[in-house]
Every structure is written in C-alpha cells, then in structure tokens.
Amino acid sequence: MIQAWYDRNGATTVTTAADLDRVLDAVAAMDGPTLAELYTDGDPDKSWLEVGIDGDRGSLRYVGDDAPNGAHSKGGAFPLPPGGEVLYYYMNNPREYPDDAEIPAEVVRSAAREFLESGGLRPSRVAWTEQDGPL
C-alpha cells in the first residue's frame, strides 16, 4: 500500500494501478510542473518516491535503504526550461531538480507503477543520479 500526497486534501491511499493512475492523472491536470509524494505504507521513514509531471516530461526522486541520501532520475532528453532551472512544485512549494533530471512522462508513470507493485523498491526502469550529502 502506498499513500500519495499531492494536494491539501490529505493523503490518498493507493493499492492498485488504477488508484495510482487516478492520482497521476490529477497531478498531470494541475497547472505546471507538479509533484506527488508516494510513501510506502504511508510511512516517511520507509522508502518514498517523489513523482513530478509537467506535460510530456517529468522527474523522479527516490529515497530508500539503497539511497538514504536520495537519487534523482537521470535523463537529459529535454532542454532546460526558460528560467534555466528544473523546478517542480509540491503544494506550491518549489523543489529544484538537477538539470538532467527530466525524463518522458510515460517513463515516470511506469516507474511509479513499478514502485507500487514492488512494495517500495527503487524503480529499475530509470537511470539514477545519487544525491550527495543528506536530504
């Protein structure tokens, strides 16, 4: 079971791929680069996945036992936005991502499904850049 946080209405429980698709569709419908946080068993002390969607692109950040400082998706297929920074917003709060963190939105969705289906393991369908230092 995953708990998804993406708006001020509180957590959404996700147990099936259809549940996850509804959450990701809601995030994709928001204006601009938006994030959802997916927590394994609803526990931020377990593994979690930050999922960003912005049109045809997106980003990921994973934290778990195999990446205690975090890891970002690695893509580089998209040019930098006009402002020169890759920013996604979690409940209107900006979060900066590495310049090469954006990957195709369908890959983001596939990775989120893998995270759900594996019970919170790091998605293997994505290249990752390990984050230096603590969160």
Protein backbone atom coordinates (compact mmCIF):
# COMPACT_ATOMS: atom_id res chain seq x y z
CA MET A 1 0.00 0.00 0.00
CA ILE A 2 1.14 3.50 -0.87
CA GLN A 3 -0.09 6.82 0.43
CA ALA A 4 0.02 9.65 -2.09
CA TRP A 5 0.21 13.30 -1.11
CA TYR A 6 -0.25 15.91 -3.81
CA ASP A 7 -2.80 18.45 -2.61
CA ARG A 8 -4.05 19.94 0.62
CA ASN A 9 -6.94 17.45 0.85
CA GLY A 10 -4.73 14.92 2.63
CA ALA A 11 -3.37 11.54 1.67
CA THR A 12 -4.89 9.25 -0.92
CA THR A 13 -4.49 5.51 -0.35
CA VAL A 14 -3.16 3.71 -3.42
CA THR A 15 -3.41 -0.07 -3.60
CA THR A 16 -3.96 -0.71 -7.32
CA ALA A 17 -2.57 0.55 -10.61
CA ALA A 18 -5.96 2.16 -11.28
CA ASP A 19 -5.71 4.09 -7.98
CA LEU A 20 -2.25 5.28 -8.96
CA ASP A 21 -3.40 6.31 -12.43
CA ARG A 22 -6.12 8.47 -10.86
CA VAL A 23 -3.55 10.21 -8.65
CA LEU A 24 -1.11 10.75 -11.53
CA ASP A 25 -3.92 12.00 -13.79
CA ALA A 26 -4.89 14.53 -11.11
CA VAL A 27 -1.26 15.68 -10.82
CA ALA A 28 -0.93 15.92 -14.61
CA ALA A 29 -4.08 18.06 -14.76
CA MET A 30 -2.58 20.66 -12.40
CA ASP A 31 -1.02 23.75 -13.91
CA GLY A 32 2.73 23.48 -14.46
CA PRO A 33 5.35 21.11 -13.06
CA THR A 34 3.67 19.41 -10.11
CA LEU A 35 4.81 16.76 -7.64
CA ALA A 36 3.18 13.91 -5.75
CA GLU A 37 4.92 12.12 -2.91
CA LEU A 38 4.35 8.36 -2.64
CA TYR A 39 5.09 6.83 0.76
CA THR A 40 5.42 3.09 1.31
CA ASP A 41 2.77 2.06 3.86
CA GLY A 42 2.20 5.79 4.42
CA ASP A 43 5.42 5.91 6.46
CA PRO A 44 8.00 8.61 5.57
CA ASP A 45 10.65 6.56 7.38
CA LYS A 46 10.30 3.83 4.76
CA SER A 47 11.08 4.27 1.08
CA TRP A 48 9.34 7.02 -0.84
CA LEU A 49 9.16 8.31 -4.38
CA GLU A 50 8.62 11.90 -5.44
CA VAL A 51 6.87 11.94 -8.83
CA GLY A 52 6.80 15.07 -10.98
CA ILE A 53 4.72 15.56 -14.11
CA ASP A 54 4.76 18.51 -16.49
CA GLY A 55 3.06 17.74 -19.81
CA ASP A 56 5.15 15.23 -21.76
CA ARG A 57 8.01 15.28 -19.25
CA GLY A 58 8.53 14.51 -15.60
CA SER A 59 11.04 13.80 -12.87
CA LEU A 60 11.59 11.38 -10.01
CA ARG A 61 13.36 11.39 -6.68
CA TYR A 62 13.68 8.17 -4.70
CA VAL A 63 14.75 7.70 -1.08
CA GLY A 64 15.18 4.27 0.49
CA ASP A 65 17.66 1.93 2.15
CA ASP A 66 19.68 1.71 -1.07
CA ALA A 67 19.68 5.52 -1.48
CA PRO A 68 19.44 7.09 2.00
CA ASN A 69 20.54 10.50 0.66
CA GLY A 70 18.20 10.22 -2.28
CA ALA A 71 18.57 9.68 -6.01
CA HIS A 72 17.16 11.67 -8.93
CA SER A 73 16.05 10.41 -12.31
CA LYS A 74 18.65 10.94 -15.00
CA GLY A 75 17.54 11.77 -18.48
CA GLY A 76 18.80 14.83 -20.26
CA ALA A 77 16.38 14.41 -23.18
CA PHE A 78 14.74 17.79 -22.57
CA PRO A 79 16.19 21.31 -22.79
CA LEU A 80 16.24 23.44 -19.67
CA PRO A 81 13.08 25.48 -19.08
CA PRO A 82 13.18 29.20 -19.97
CA GLY A 83 14.17 30.13 -16.40
CA GLY A 84 17.20 27.84 -16.59
CA GLU A 85 16.23 25.73 -13.57
CA VAL A 86 14.29 22.49 -13.33
CA LEU A 87 11.67 23.25 -10.69
CA TYR A 88 8.67 21.18 -9.68
CA TYR A 89 6.10 22.25 -7.11
CA TYR A 90 4.78 20.27 -4.17
CA MET A 91 1.71 22.03 -2.81
CA ASN A 92 3.03 25.32 -4.26
CA ASN A 93 6.48 24.86 -2.71
CA PRO A 94 9.33 24.76 -5.27
CA ARG A 95 11.78 21.88 -5.36
CA GLU A 96 14.86 22.10 -7.52
CA TYR A 97 16.00 19.14 -9.59
CA PRO A 98 19.28 18.53 -11.42
CA ASP A 99 19.44 19.91 -14.96
CA ASP A 100 19.27 16.41 -16.46
CA ALA A 101 16.52 15.00 -14.21
CA GLU A 102 13.64 15.25 -16.67
CA ILE A 103 12.53 12.10 -18.44
CA PRO A 104 9.45 11.28 -20.56
CA ALA A 105 6.17 11.37 -18.59
CA GLU A 106 5.29 7.82 -19.65
CA VAL A 107 8.57 6.60 -18.08
CA VAL A 108 7.69 8.49 -14.87
CA ARG A 109 4.29 6.78 -14.78
CA SER A 110 5.84 3.36 -15.45
CA ALA A 111 8.38 3.91 -12.64
CA ALA A 112 5.61 4.90 -10.23
CA ARG A 113 3.73 1.69 -11.09
CA GLU A 114 6.90 -0.34 -10.50
CA PHE A 115 7.35 1.38 -7.12
CA LEU A 116 3.77 0.44 -6.17
CA GLU A 117 3.99 -3.14 -7.46
CA SER A 118 7.34 -3.81 -5.76
CA GLY A 119 6.20 -2.54 -2.39
CA GLY A 120 8.50 0.48 -2.45
CA LEU A 121 11.69 -0.66 -4.17
CA ARG A 122 13.67 1.74 -6.36
CA PRO A 123 12.29 1.54 -9.90
CA SER A 124 14.73 -0.27 -12.18
CA ARG A 125 13.40 1.18 -15.46
CA VAL A 126 15.08 4.53 -14.79
CA ALA A 127 18.69 5.72 -14.76
CA TRP A 128 19.54 7.41 -11.44
CA THR A 129 21.96 10.01 -10.13
CA GLU A 130 22.79 9.56 -6.46
CA GLN A 131 22.38 12.68 -4.34
CA ASP A 132 25.45 13.77 -2.40
CA GLY A 133 25.03 14.51 1.29
CA PRO A 134 21.99 14.32 3.50
CA LEU A 135 18.49 15.16 2.38
